[in-house]
Amino acid sequence: MGNGLVVLMVFAILALSPLSGLAIIFAIFYMIYERRKEKTGNSVFKFQWEKTKGDIRKYWWLVLLPLALGMGQILFAHFAMPTFNEHVMARVAPMLQIGTIIILIPQLLILAFGEELAFRGFAQEKLSNIMNPRIAILIVSFLFAVGHLSNGPVVVVMYDIGFIFINSILYGILFVKTKNIYITTLAHFLANVAGVYIFAIL
């Protein structure tokens, strides 16, 4: 347990740092190390097609909820808080060039998978072993949201981070219900793709 807390503290420090992407790399490498050390077949890396199909059928609404929430966030901001869309467009504009659209979809998938492995499969799973899973979801969602901080007007940044925090809670709930990192990756990926697509057409 002591070693687990140290590992989680390193992850948290990295997630809260300006180089928050290092938290993902650290978590994935630690999970690979741990899996080899314990030589166990049980792993969040293991893909089970039948289980995944069943999880999608059972929790399709929870998979699509972050997508719907993200679309609502962007559309509301388009009319009520245009500076939010300008704030996000400044970040994603290079990704929306026609020449990179083909590369963008795989990038969004890899990014969603990496974040889900690190924040749900690693941090949330480890925290849930030492505390109430609901508290673990909240702590991990806080780290996830702070890891997405960017410069901008306070109201705009808080609006952005607030929705990221809520989506992270939804991914956390989905992971608790399914223990399937591929389902949370699908939910995360769909939300990201929908967001980029809406920004592309606004």
N, C-alpha and C. Protein backbone atom coordinates (compact mmCIF):
# COMPACT_ATOMS: atom_id res chain seq x y z
N MET A 1 0.82 -1.20 0.00
CA MET A 1 0.00 0.00 0.00
C MET A 1 0.86 1.26 0.00
N GLY A 2 1.95 1.26 0.78
CA GLY A 2 2.85 2.41 0.83
C GLY A 2 3.44 2.73 -0.52
N ASN A 3 3.90 1.68 -1.23
CA ASN A 3 4.46 1.84 -2.56
C ASN A 3 3.41 2.38 -3.53
N GLY A 4 2.17 1.88 -3.40
CA GLY A 4 1.08 2.34 -4.24
C GLY A 4 0.80 3.82 -4.06
N LEU A 5 0.87 4.30 -2.80
CA LEU A 5 0.64 5.72 -2.53
C LEU A 5 1.74 6.59 -3.14
N VAL A 6 2.97 6.11 -3.06
CA VAL A 6 4.09 6.86 -3.65
C VAL A 6 3.90 6.99 -5.16
N VAL A 7 3.52 5.89 -5.78
CA VAL A 7 3.30 5.88 -7.23
C VAL A 7 2.17 6.84 -7.60
N LEU A 8 1.10 6.83 -6.82
CA LEU A 8 -0.02 7.74 -7.08
C LEU A 8 0.38 9.20 -6.87
N MET A 9 1.23 9.45 -5.87
CA MET A 9 1.69 10.82 -5.64
C MET A 9 2.55 11.32 -6.79
N VAL A 10 3.41 10.45 -7.32
CA VAL A 10 4.23 10.83 -8.48
C VAL A 10 3.31 11.14 -9.67
N PHE A 11 2.31 10.29 -9.87
CA PHE A 11 1.35 10.52 -10.95
C PHE A 11 0.65 11.86 -10.78
N ALA A 12 0.18 12.16 -9.55
CA ALA A 12 -0.53 13.41 -9.28
C ALA A 12 0.35 14.62 -9.52
N ILE A 13 1.60 14.56 -9.07
CA ILE A 13 2.53 15.67 -9.26
C ILE A 13 2.74 15.93 -10.75
N LEU A 14 2.92 14.86 -11.51
CA LEU A 14 3.10 15.00 -12.96
C LEU A 14 1.84 15.55 -13.62
N ALA A 15 0.67 15.06 -13.19
CA ALA A 15 -0.60 15.51 -13.78
C ALA A 15 -0.85 16.98 -13.52
N LEU A 16 -0.38 17.48 -12.38
CA LEU A 16 -0.59 18.89 -12.02
C LEU A 16 0.51 19.80 -12.54
N SER A 17 1.55 19.23 -13.13
CA SER A 17 2.67 20.03 -13.63
C SER A 17 2.38 20.56 -15.03
N PRO A 18 3.18 21.53 -15.49
CA PRO A 18 3.00 22.03 -16.86
C PRO A 18 3.21 20.93 -17.92
N LEU A 19 3.94 19.90 -17.55
CA LEU A 19 4.17 18.77 -18.47
C LEU A 19 3.28 17.60 -18.09
N SER A 20 1.95 17.86 -18.04
CA SER A 20 1.01 16.86 -17.56
C SER A 20 0.97 15.59 -18.42
N GLY A 21 1.39 15.70 -19.66
CA GLY A 21 1.45 14.52 -20.53
C GLY A 21 2.39 13.45 -20.00
N LEU A 22 3.37 13.87 -19.19
CA LEU A 22 4.30 12.90 -18.60
C LEU A 22 3.58 11.95 -17.64
N ALA A 23 2.47 12.40 -17.06
CA ALA A 23 1.69 11.53 -16.16
C ALA A 23 1.16 10.32 -16.93
N ILE A 24 0.74 10.54 -18.16
CA ILE A 24 0.23 9.44 -18.99
C ILE A 24 1.35 8.44 -19.29
N ILE A 25 2.49 8.97 -19.70
CA ILE A 25 3.64 8.10 -20.02
C ILE A 25 4.07 7.31 -18.79
N PHE A 26 4.17 8.01 -17.65
CA PHE A 26 4.55 7.35 -16.40
C PHE A 26 3.58 6.23 -16.06
N ALA A 27 2.27 6.51 -16.12
CA ALA A 27 1.26 5.52 -15.75
C ALA A 27 1.32 4.30 -16.66
N ILE A 28 1.44 4.50 -17.96
CA ILE A 28 1.46 3.38 -18.90
C ILE A 28 2.70 2.51 -18.65
N PHE A 29 3.86 3.15 -18.50
CA PHE A 29 5.08 2.37 -18.25
C PHE A 29 5.01 1.63 -16.92
N TYR A 30 4.44 2.28 -15.90
CA TYR A 30 4.31 1.60 -14.61
C TYR A 30 3.37 0.41 -14.70
N MET A 31 2.27 0.57 -15.44
CA MET A 31 1.32 -0.54 -15.60
C MET A 31 1.97 -1.72 -16.32
N ILE A 32 2.78 -1.43 -17.33
CA ILE A 32 3.49 -2.50 -18.06
C ILE A 32 4.47 -3.20 -17.12
N TYR A 33 5.22 -2.39 -16.35
CA TYR A 33 6.17 -2.95 -15.37
C TYR A 33 5.46 -3.84 -14.36
N GLU A 34 4.34 -3.33 -13.83
CA GLU A 34 3.58 -4.06 -12.81
C GLU A 34 3.01 -5.37 -13.38
N ARG A 35 2.54 -5.31 -14.60
CA ARG A 35 1.97 -6.50 -15.23
C ARG A 35 3.04 -7.59 -15.41
N ARG A 36 4.22 -7.18 -15.84
CA ARG A 36 5.32 -8.16 -16.02
C ARG A 36 5.79 -8.71 -14.68
N LYS A 37 5.83 -7.85 -13.69
CA LYS A 37 6.29 -8.26 -12.36
C LYS A 37 5.33 -9.28 -11.74
N GLU A 38 4.02 -9.02 -11.87
CA GLU A 38 3.02 -9.89 -11.25
C GLU A 38 2.65 -11.07 -12.14
N LYS A 39 3.01 -11.00 -13.43
CA LYS A 39 2.72 -12.07 -14.39
C LYS A 39 1.25 -12.51 -14.30
N THR A 40 0.36 -11.51 -14.35
CA THR A 40 -1.06 -11.82 -14.27
C THR A 40 -1.73 -11.61 -15.62
N GLY A 41 -2.73 -12.42 -15.89
CA GLY A 41 -3.49 -12.28 -17.13
C GLY A 41 -4.53 -11.18 -17.04
N ASN A 42 -4.90 -10.81 -15.81
CA ASN A 42 -5.89 -9.76 -15.63
C ASN A 42 -5.23 -8.41 -15.82
N SER A 43 -5.72 -7.68 -16.78
CA SER A 43 -5.12 -6.39 -17.08
C SER A 43 -6.11 -5.53 -17.82
N VAL A 44 -6.04 -4.21 -17.61
CA VAL A 44 -6.90 -3.30 -18.35
C VAL A 44 -6.53 -3.28 -19.83
N PHE A 45 -5.33 -3.78 -20.16
CA PHE A 45 -4.91 -3.84 -21.56
C PHE A 45 -5.67 -4.92 -22.34
N LYS A 46 -6.17 -5.92 -21.62
CA LYS A 46 -6.79 -7.07 -22.28
C LYS A 46 -8.12 -6.67 -22.92
N PHE A 47 -8.23 -6.94 -24.22
CA PHE A 47 -9.45 -6.61 -24.95
C PHE A 47 -10.31 -7.86 -25.11
N GLN A 48 -11.57 -7.77 -24.68
CA GLN A 48 -12.50 -8.88 -24.80
C GLN A 48 -13.69 -8.40 -25.63
N TRP A 49 -13.76 -8.88 -26.87
CA TRP A 49 -14.75 -8.40 -27.81
C TRP A 49 -16.19 -8.63 -27.32
N GLU A 50 -16.48 -9.82 -26.84
CA GLU A 50 -17.85 -10.12 -26.40
C GLU A 50 -18.27 -9.26 -25.22
N LYS A 51 -17.35 -9.09 -24.27
CA LYS A 51 -17.65 -8.23 -23.11
C LYS A 51 -17.86 -6.78 -23.56
N THR A 52 -17.02 -6.33 -24.47
CA THR A 52 -17.12 -4.96 -24.96
C THR A 52 -18.45 -4.73 -25.68
N LYS A 53 -18.87 -5.67 -26.51
CA LYS A 53 -20.17 -5.56 -27.18
C LYS A 53 -21.30 -5.50 -26.17
N GLY A 54 -21.22 -6.36 -25.15
CA GLY A 54 -22.24 -6.36 -24.11
C GLY A 54 -22.27 -5.06 -23.33
N ASP A 55 -21.08 -4.51 -23.04
CA ASP A 55 -21.00 -3.24 -22.31
C ASP A 55 -21.59 -2.10 -23.14
N ILE A 56 -21.34 -2.12 -24.44
CA ILE A 56 -21.90 -1.08 -25.31
C ILE A 56 -23.42 -1.16 -25.33
N ARG A 57 -23.94 -2.38 -25.45
CA ARG A 57 -25.41 -2.55 -25.46
C ARG A 57 -26.03 -2.08 -24.15
N LYS A 58 -25.37 -2.38 -23.04
CA LYS A 58 -25.93 -2.06 -21.73
C LYS A 58 -25.77 -0.58 -21.36
N TYR A 59 -24.63 0.00 -21.74
CA TYR A 59 -24.31 1.37 -21.29
C TYR A 59 -24.15 2.35 -22.45
N TRP A 60 -24.84 2.10 -23.57
CA TRP A 60 -24.72 2.98 -24.74
C TRP A 60 -25.02 4.44 -24.38
N TRP A 61 -25.98 4.64 -23.50
CA TRP A 61 -26.38 5.99 -23.12
C TRP A 61 -25.27 6.71 -22.36
N LEU A 62 -24.53 5.96 -21.56
CA LEU A 62 -23.43 6.55 -20.80
C LEU A 62 -22.22 6.79 -21.70
N VAL A 63 -22.08 5.97 -22.74
CA VAL A 63 -21.02 6.19 -23.74
C VAL A 63 -21.29 7.48 -24.51
N LEU A 64 -22.56 7.73 -24.84
CA LEU A 64 -22.92 8.90 -25.66
C LEU A 64 -23.14 10.18 -24.85
N LEU A 65 -23.31 10.06 -23.54
CA LEU A 65 -23.59 11.24 -22.72
C LEU A 65 -22.48 12.30 -22.78
N PRO A 66 -21.18 11.94 -22.69
CA PRO A 66 -20.14 12.98 -22.81
C PRO A 66 -20.16 13.67 -24.18
N LEU A 67 -20.49 12.92 -25.23
CA LEU A 67 -20.60 13.50 -26.57
C LEU A 67 -21.70 14.55 -26.59
N ALA A 68 -22.88 14.19 -26.07
CA ALA A 68 -24.01 15.13 -26.04
C ALA A 68 -23.69 16.34 -25.18
N LEU A 69 -23.04 16.11 -24.05
CA LEU A 69 -22.68 17.20 -23.15
C LEU A 69 -21.70 18.16 -23.83
N GLY A 70 -20.71 17.60 -24.52
CA GLY A 70 -19.72 18.43 -25.23
C GLY A 70 -20.35 19.25 -26.34
N MET A 71 -21.26 18.64 -27.08
CA MET A 71 -21.94 19.37 -28.15
C MET A 71 -22.78 20.51 -27.58
N GLY A 72 -23.47 20.22 -26.48
CA GLY A 72 -24.26 21.26 -25.82
C GLY A 72 -23.39 22.39 -25.31
N GLN A 73 -22.24 22.04 -24.74
CA GLN A 73 -21.31 23.05 -24.22
C GLN A 73 -20.87 23.99 -25.33
N ILE A 74 -20.48 23.43 -26.47
CA ILE A 74 -19.96 24.24 -27.58
C ILE A 74 -21.07 25.09 -28.20
N LEU A 75 -22.24 24.49 -28.41
CA LEU A 75 -23.34 25.23 -29.03
C LEU A 75 -23.85 26.35 -28.12
N PHE A 76 -23.94 26.07 -26.81
CA PHE A 76 -24.34 27.12 -25.87
C PHE A 76 -23.33 28.26 -25.89
N ALA A 77 -22.04 27.91 -25.86
CA ALA A 77 -20.99 28.93 -25.85
C ALA A 77 -20.99 29.73 -27.15
N HIS A 78 -21.35 29.09 -28.25
CA HIS A 78 -21.37 29.78 -29.55
C HIS A 78 -22.28 31.01 -29.49
N PHE A 79 -23.40 30.89 -28.76
CA PHE A 79 -24.35 31.99 -28.66
C PHE A 79 -24.16 32.84 -27.40
N ALA A 80 -23.80 32.23 -26.30
CA ALA A 80 -23.75 32.94 -25.02
C ALA A 80 -22.34 33.36 -24.59
N MET A 81 -21.32 32.65 -25.07
CA MET A 81 -19.95 32.94 -24.64
C MET A 81 -18.99 32.70 -25.81
N PRO A 82 -19.06 33.54 -26.85
CA PRO A 82 -18.22 33.32 -28.04
C PRO A 82 -16.73 33.26 -27.74
N THR A 83 -16.31 33.92 -26.66
CA THR A 83 -14.88 33.89 -26.31
C THR A 83 -14.41 32.49 -25.96
N PHE A 84 -15.35 31.61 -25.50
CA PHE A 84 -14.97 30.24 -25.20
C PHE A 84 -14.56 29.51 -26.48
N ASN A 85 -15.37 29.65 -27.51
CA ASN A 85 -15.05 28.97 -28.77
C ASN A 85 -13.77 29.51 -29.38
N GLU A 86 -13.55 30.82 -29.25
CA GLU A 86 -12.29 31.41 -29.73
C GLU A 86 -11.11 30.85 -28.94
N HIS A 87 -11.31 30.70 -27.64
CA HIS A 87 -10.29 30.15 -26.74
C HIS A 87 -9.90 28.73 -27.17
N VAL A 88 -10.91 27.90 -27.42
CA VAL A 88 -10.64 26.51 -27.81
C VAL A 88 -10.09 26.45 -29.24
N MET A 89 -10.63 27.29 -30.14
CA MET A 89 -10.16 27.29 -31.53
C MET A 89 -8.68 27.62 -31.61
N ALA A 90 -8.20 28.49 -30.74
CA ALA A 90 -6.78 28.84 -30.73
C ALA A 90 -5.93 27.60 -30.48
N ARG A 91 -6.48 26.65 -29.68
CA ARG A 91 -5.75 25.41 -29.39
C ARG A 91 -5.85 24.40 -30.52
N VAL A 92 -7.05 24.30 -31.12
CA VAL A 92 -7.30 23.20 -32.07
C VAL A 92 -7.16 23.61 -33.54
N ALA A 93 -7.01 24.91 -33.82
CA ALA A 93 -6.94 25.38 -35.21
C ALA A 93 -5.90 24.64 -36.05
N PRO A 94 -4.69 24.41 -35.55
CA PRO A 94 -3.72 23.68 -36.38
C PRO A 94 -4.18 22.26 -36.73
N MET A 95 -4.96 21.65 -35.85
CA MET A 95 -5.44 20.29 -36.10
C MET A 95 -6.54 20.25 -37.15
N LEU A 96 -7.18 21.39 -37.42
CA LEU A 96 -8.34 21.41 -38.30
C LEU A 96 -7.99 21.68 -39.76
N GLN A 97 -6.72 21.84 -40.07
CA GLN A 97 -6.32 22.04 -41.45
C GLN A 97 -6.64 20.78 -42.25
N ILE A 98 -7.07 20.97 -43.49
CA ILE A 98 -7.47 19.84 -44.33
C ILE A 98 -6.37 18.79 -44.43
N GLY A 99 -5.12 19.23 -44.54
CA GLY A 99 -4.01 18.29 -44.68
C GLY A 99 -3.82 17.38 -43.48
N THR A 100 -4.33 17.79 -42.33
CA THR A 100 -4.09 16.98 -41.13
C THR A 100 -5.33 16.25 -40.63
N ILE A 101 -6.48 16.43 -41.30
CA ILE A 101 -7.72 15.78 -40.85
C ILE A 101 -7.56 14.26 -40.84
N ILE A 102 -6.90 13.72 -41.86
CA ILE A 102 -6.71 12.27 -41.95
C ILE A 102 -5.87 11.76 -40.78
N ILE A 103 -4.90 12.55 -40.37
CA ILE A 103 -4.03 12.18 -39.26
C ILE A 103 -4.73 12.43 -37.92
N LEU A 104 -5.65 13.38 -37.90
CA LEU A 104 -6.30 13.80 -36.66
C LEU A 104 -7.09 12.68 -35.99
N ILE A 105 -7.86 11.92 -36.76
CA ILE A 105 -8.72 10.87 -36.18
C ILE A 105 -7.89 9.84 -35.41
N PRO A 106 -6.83 9.27 -36.02
CA PRO A 106 -6.01 8.33 -35.23
C PRO A 106 -5.35 9.00 -34.02
N GLN A 107 -4.96 10.27 -34.16
CA GLN A 107 -4.35 10.98 -33.04
C GLN A 107 -5.33 11.10 -31.87
N LEU A 108 -6.58 11.45 -32.19
CA LEU A 108 -7.60 11.58 -31.15
C LEU A 108 -7.87 10.24 -30.47
N LEU A 109 -7.83 9.16 -31.26
CA LEU A 109 -8.05 7.83 -30.69
C LEU A 109 -6.91 7.44 -29.76
N ILE A 110 -5.68 7.66 -30.21
CA ILE A 110 -4.51 7.33 -29.39
C ILE A 110 -4.48 8.18 -28.12
N LEU A 111 -4.80 9.47 -28.25
CA LEU A 111 -4.83 10.35 -27.09
C LEU A 111 -5.88 9.91 -26.08
N ALA A 112 -7.08 9.59 -26.58
CA ALA A 112 -8.16 9.14 -25.68
C ALA A 112 -7.76 7.85 -24.97
N PHE A 113 -7.16 6.91 -25.72
CA PHE A 113 -6.74 5.64 -25.13
C PHE A 113 -5.67 5.85 -24.06
N GLY A 114 -4.69 6.70 -24.36
CA GLY A 114 -3.62 6.98 -23.39
C GLY A 114 -4.16 7.63 -22.12
N GLU A 115 -5.05 8.62 -22.29
CA GLU A 115 -5.61 9.29 -21.12
C GLU A 115 -6.48 8.35 -20.29
N GLU A 116 -7.25 7.50 -20.96
CA GLU A 116 -8.10 6.56 -20.24
C GLU A 116 -7.28 5.50 -19.50
N LEU A 117 -6.23 5.01 -20.14
CA LEU A 117 -5.33 4.07 -19.45
C LEU A 117 -4.75 4.70 -18.20
N ALA A 118 -4.28 5.94 -18.34
CA ALA A 118 -3.60 6.60 -17.22
C ALA A 118 -4.56 7.02 -16.11
N PHE A 119 -5.65 7.68 -16.49
CA PHE A 119 -6.52 8.26 -15.47
C PHE A 119 -7.55 7.28 -14.92
N ARG A 120 -8.07 6.41 -15.76
CA ARG A 120 -9.06 5.44 -15.28
C ARG A 120 -8.38 4.10 -14.94
N GLY A 121 -7.68 3.51 -15.90
CA GLY A 121 -7.09 2.19 -15.69
C GLY A 121 -6.00 2.15 -14.65
N PHE A 122 -5.31 3.27 -14.48
CA PHE A 122 -4.21 3.33 -13.50
C PHE A 122 -4.64 4.07 -12.23
N ALA A 123 -4.81 5.39 -12.34
CA ALA A 123 -5.03 6.21 -11.14
C ALA A 123 -6.35 5.88 -10.44
N GLN A 124 -7.44 5.83 -11.18
CA GLN A 124 -8.73 5.56 -10.54
C GLN A 124 -8.77 4.16 -9.96
N GLU A 125 -8.25 3.20 -10.69
CA GLU A 125 -8.26 1.82 -10.20
C GLU A 125 -7.45 1.68 -8.93
N LYS A 126 -6.27 2.29 -8.89
CA LYS A 126 -5.41 2.20 -7.70
C LYS A 126 -6.04 2.94 -6.51
N LEU A 127 -6.57 4.13 -6.77
CA LEU A 127 -7.21 4.89 -5.69
C LEU A 127 -8.44 4.16 -5.15
N SER A 128 -9.19 3.50 -6.03
CA SER A 128 -10.40 2.78 -5.61
C SER A 128 -10.07 1.61 -4.69
N ASN A 129 -8.82 1.13 -4.75
CA ASN A 129 -8.40 0.05 -3.87
C ASN A 129 -8.13 0.52 -2.45
N ILE A 130 -7.95 1.83 -2.26
CA ILE A 130 -7.63 2.34 -0.93
C ILE A 130 -8.67 3.32 -0.38
N MET A 131 -9.69 3.63 -1.20
CA MET A 131 -10.74 4.55 -0.74
C MET A 131 -12.04 4.28 -1.49
N ASN A 132 -13.08 4.96 -1.09
CA ASN A 132 -14.37 4.84 -1.76
C ASN A 132 -14.22 5.19 -3.24
N PRO A 133 -14.70 4.33 -4.15
CA PRO A 133 -14.57 4.60 -5.59
C PRO A 133 -15.15 5.95 -6.02
N ARG A 134 -16.19 6.42 -5.35
CA ARG A 134 -16.78 7.72 -5.70
C ARG A 134 -15.79 8.86 -5.44
N ILE A 135 -15.10 8.76 -4.31
CA ILE A 135 -14.07 9.77 -3.98
C ILE A 135 -12.92 9.66 -4.97
N ALA A 136 -12.55 8.44 -5.32
CA ALA A 136 -11.47 8.22 -6.30
C ALA A 136 -11.82 8.88 -7.64
N ILE A 137 -13.07 8.73 -8.07
CA ILE A 137 -13.52 9.35 -9.33
C ILE A 137 -13.37 10.87 -9.26
N LEU A 138 -13.77 11.46 -8.14
CA LEU A 138 -13.69 12.92 -7.99
C LEU A 138 -12.24 13.40 -7.99
N ILE A 139 -11.36 12.69 -7.27
CA ILE A 139 -9.94 13.09 -7.22
C ILE A 139 -9.31 12.98 -8.59
N VAL A 140 -9.54 11.86 -9.27
CA VAL A 140 -8.95 11.65 -10.60
C VAL A 140 -9.52 12.67 -11.59
N SER A 141 -10.81 12.98 -11.48
CA SER A 141 -11.42 13.95 -12.38
C SER A 141 -10.86 15.36 -12.16
N PHE A 142 -10.55 15.68 -10.91
CA PHE A 142 -9.89 16.95 -10.61
C PHE A 142 -8.52 17.01 -11.29
N LEU A 143 -7.74 15.94 -11.15
CA LEU A 143 -6.42 15.89 -11.78
C LEU A 143 -6.54 15.98 -13.30
N PHE A 144 -7.52 15.27 -13.84
CA PHE A 144 -7.75 15.26 -15.29
C PHE A 144 -8.09 16.66 -15.79
N ALA A 145 -8.97 17.34 -15.08
CA ALA A 145 -9.38 18.69 -15.48
C ALA A 145 -8.22 19.67 -15.38
N VAL A 146 -7.49 19.64 -14.27
CA VAL A 146 -6.36 20.55 -14.09
C VAL A 146 -5.29 20.29 -15.15
N GLY A 147 -5.12 19.03 -15.53
CA GLY A 147 -4.17 18.69 -16.59
C GLY A 147 -4.51 19.30 -17.93
N HIS A 148 -5.76 19.74 -18.10
CA HIS A 148 -6.21 20.36 -19.35
C HIS A 148 -6.28 21.89 -19.27
N LEU A 149 -5.75 22.46 -18.18
CA LEU A 149 -5.75 23.93 -18.04
C LEU A 149 -4.99 24.59 -19.18
N SER A 150 -5.52 25.72 -19.63
CA SER A 150 -4.81 26.52 -20.63
C SER A 150 -5.03 27.99 -20.31
N ASN A 151 -4.22 28.85 -20.90
CA ASN A 151 -4.31 30.28 -20.64
C ASN A 151 -5.58 30.86 -21.25
N GLY A 152 -6.11 31.88 -20.60
CA GLY A 152 -7.30 32.56 -21.12
C GLY A 152 -8.04 33.27 -20.02
N PRO A 153 -9.12 33.97 -20.38
CA PRO A 153 -9.94 34.64 -19.35
C PRO A 153 -10.46 33.63 -18.33
N VAL A 154 -10.51 34.03 -17.07
CA VAL A 154 -10.86 33.12 -15.98
C VAL A 154 -12.21 32.44 -16.20
N VAL A 155 -13.22 33.21 -16.59
CA VAL A 155 -14.57 32.65 -16.79
C VAL A 155 -14.55 31.60 -17.88
N VAL A 156 -13.84 31.88 -18.97
CA VAL A 156 -13.77 30.96 -20.10
C VAL A 156 -13.04 29.68 -19.69
N VAL A 157 -11.92 29.83 -19.00
CA VAL A 157 -11.14 28.67 -18.56
C VAL A 157 -11.95 27.82 -17.58
N MET A 158 -12.66 28.47 -16.66
CA MET A 158 -13.47 27.72 -15.69
C MET A 158 -14.62 26.98 -16.37
N TYR A 159 -15.22 27.61 -17.38
CA TYR A 159 -16.28 26.96 -18.16
C TYR A 159 -15.73 25.72 -18.85
N ASP A 160 -14.57 25.86 -19.46
CA ASP A 160 -13.89 24.76 -20.15
C ASP A 160 -13.56 23.63 -19.18
N ILE A 161 -12.89 23.97 -18.08
CA ILE A 161 -12.45 22.98 -17.10
C ILE A 161 -13.64 22.32 -16.40
N GLY A 162 -14.70 23.08 -16.17
CA GLY A 162 -15.89 22.52 -15.53
C GLY A 162 -16.48 21.37 -16.33
N PHE A 163 -16.58 21.55 -17.64
CA PHE A 163 -17.13 20.49 -18.49
C PHE A 163 -16.16 19.31 -18.61
N ILE A 164 -14.88 19.61 -18.63
CA ILE A 164 -13.88 18.53 -18.66
C ILE A 164 -14.00 17.69 -17.39
N PHE A 165 -14.18 18.36 -16.26
CA PHE A 165 -14.35 17.68 -14.97
C PHE A 165 -15.59 16.78 -14.99
N ILE A 166 -16.70 17.31 -15.48
CA ILE A 166 -17.95 16.52 -15.55
C ILE A 166 -17.78 15.32 -16.48
N ASN A 167 -17.18 15.54 -17.65
CA ASN A 167 -16.96 14.41 -18.57
C ASN A 167 -16.07 13.35 -17.93
N SER A 168 -15.05 13.79 -17.21
CA SER A 168 -14.16 12.85 -16.54
C SER A 168 -14.92 12.02 -15.51
N ILE A 169 -15.85 12.63 -14.80
CA ILE A 169 -16.68 11.89 -13.84
C ILE A 169 -17.50 10.82 -14.59
N LEU A 170 -18.03 11.20 -15.75
CA LEU A 170 -18.81 10.23 -16.55
C LEU A 170 -17.93 9.07 -17.02
N TYR A 171 -16.71 9.36 -17.46
CA TYR A 171 -15.79 8.29 -17.85
C TYR A 171 -15.47 7.40 -16.65
N GLY A 172 -15.32 8.04 -15.49
CA GLY A 172 -15.03 7.28 -14.26
C GLY A 172 -16.16 6.36 -13.87
N ILE A 173 -17.40 6.85 -13.97
CA ILE A 173 -18.57 6.02 -13.66
C ILE A 173 -18.65 4.85 -14.64
N LEU A 174 -18.42 5.15 -15.91
CA LEU A 174 -18.46 4.11 -16.94
C LEU A 174 -17.41 3.03 -16.67
N PHE A 175 -16.24 3.46 -16.21
CA PHE A 175 -15.18 2.49 -15.90
C PHE A 175 -15.54 1.63 -14.69
N VAL A 176 -16.13 2.25 -13.67
CA VAL A 176 -16.56 1.49 -12.49
C VAL A 176 -17.59 0.44 -12.88
N LYS A 177 -18.51 0.80 -13.75
CA LYS A 177 -19.58 -0.12 -14.14
C LYS A 177 -19.10 -1.25 -15.04
N THR A 178 -18.10 -0.97 -15.88
CA THR A 178 -17.68 -1.96 -16.89
C THR A 178 -16.31 -2.57 -16.65
N LYS A 179 -15.41 -1.86 -15.96
CA LYS A 179 -14.00 -2.25 -15.83
C LYS A 179 -13.40 -2.48 -17.22
N ASN A 180 -13.85 -1.69 -18.18
CA ASN A 180 -13.45 -1.85 -19.57
C ASN A 180 -12.89 -0.53 -20.09
N ILE A 181 -11.58 -0.47 -20.21
CA ILE A 181 -10.91 0.76 -20.64
C ILE A 181 -11.25 1.09 -22.08
N TYR A 182 -11.62 0.09 -22.87
CA TYR A 182 -11.94 0.32 -24.28
C TYR A 182 -13.28 1.03 -24.43
N ILE A 183 -14.19 0.80 -23.49
CA ILE A 183 -15.48 1.49 -23.51
C ILE A 183 -15.29 2.95 -23.13
N THR A 184 -14.49 3.22 -22.11
CA THR A 184 -14.26 4.62 -21.73
C THR A 184 -13.48 5.34 -22.84
N THR A 185 -12.58 4.63 -23.51
CA THR A 185 -11.85 5.22 -24.63
C THR A 185 -12.82 5.58 -25.75
N LEU A 186 -13.77 4.70 -26.04
CA LEU A 186 -14.77 4.98 -27.07
C LEU A 186 -15.57 6.23 -26.72
N ALA A 187 -16.03 6.33 -25.48
CA ALA A 187 -16.80 7.50 -25.05
C ALA A 187 -15.97 8.78 -25.18
N HIS A 188 -14.73 8.71 -24.74
CA HIS A 188 -13.81 9.85 -24.77
C HIS A 188 -13.51 10.25 -26.22
N PHE A 189 -13.23 9.26 -27.05
CA PHE A 189 -12.91 9.50 -28.47
C PHE A 189 -14.09 10.15 -29.20
N LEU A 190 -15.30 9.61 -28.99
CA LEU A 190 -16.48 10.16 -29.66
C LEU A 190 -16.72 11.61 -29.24
N ALA A 191 -16.54 11.90 -27.97
CA ALA A 191 -16.72 13.28 -27.48
C ALA A 191 -15.70 14.21 -28.12
N ASN A 192 -14.45 13.76 -28.22
CA ASN A 192 -13.41 14.59 -28.84
C ASN A 192 -13.66 14.82 -30.32
N VAL A 193 -14.03 13.75 -31.04
CA VAL A 193 -14.29 13.87 -32.48
C VAL A 193 -15.47 14.80 -32.74
N ALA A 194 -16.53 14.65 -31.96
CA ALA A 194 -17.71 15.51 -32.13
C ALA A 194 -17.33 16.97 -31.88
N GLY A 195 -16.53 17.21 -30.84
CA GLY A 195 -16.12 18.57 -30.53
C GLY A 195 -15.32 19.19 -31.66
N VAL A 196 -14.35 18.45 -32.18
CA VAL A 196 -13.52 18.95 -33.28
C VAL A 196 -14.38 19.19 -34.52
N TYR A 197 -15.31 18.28 -34.80
CA TYR A 197 -16.17 18.42 -35.98
C TYR A 197 -17.05 19.66 -35.87
N ILE A 198 -17.60 19.90 -34.69
CA ILE A 198 -18.46 21.09 -34.50
C ILE A 198 -17.63 22.36 -34.68
N PHE A 199 -16.41 22.38 -34.12
CA PHE A 199 -15.56 23.55 -34.28
C PHE A 199 -15.21 23.77 -35.75
N ALA A 200 -15.07 22.67 -36.50
CA ALA A 200 -14.72 22.77 -37.90
C ALA A 200 -15.83 23.41 -38.72
N ILE A 201 -17.09 23.20 -38.32
CA ILE A 201 -18.20 23.73 -39.11
C ILE A 201 -18.77 25.05 -38.58
N LEU A 202 -18.40 25.44 -37.35
CA LEU A 202 -18.92 26.71 -36.81
C LEU A 202 -18.27 27.91 -37.51
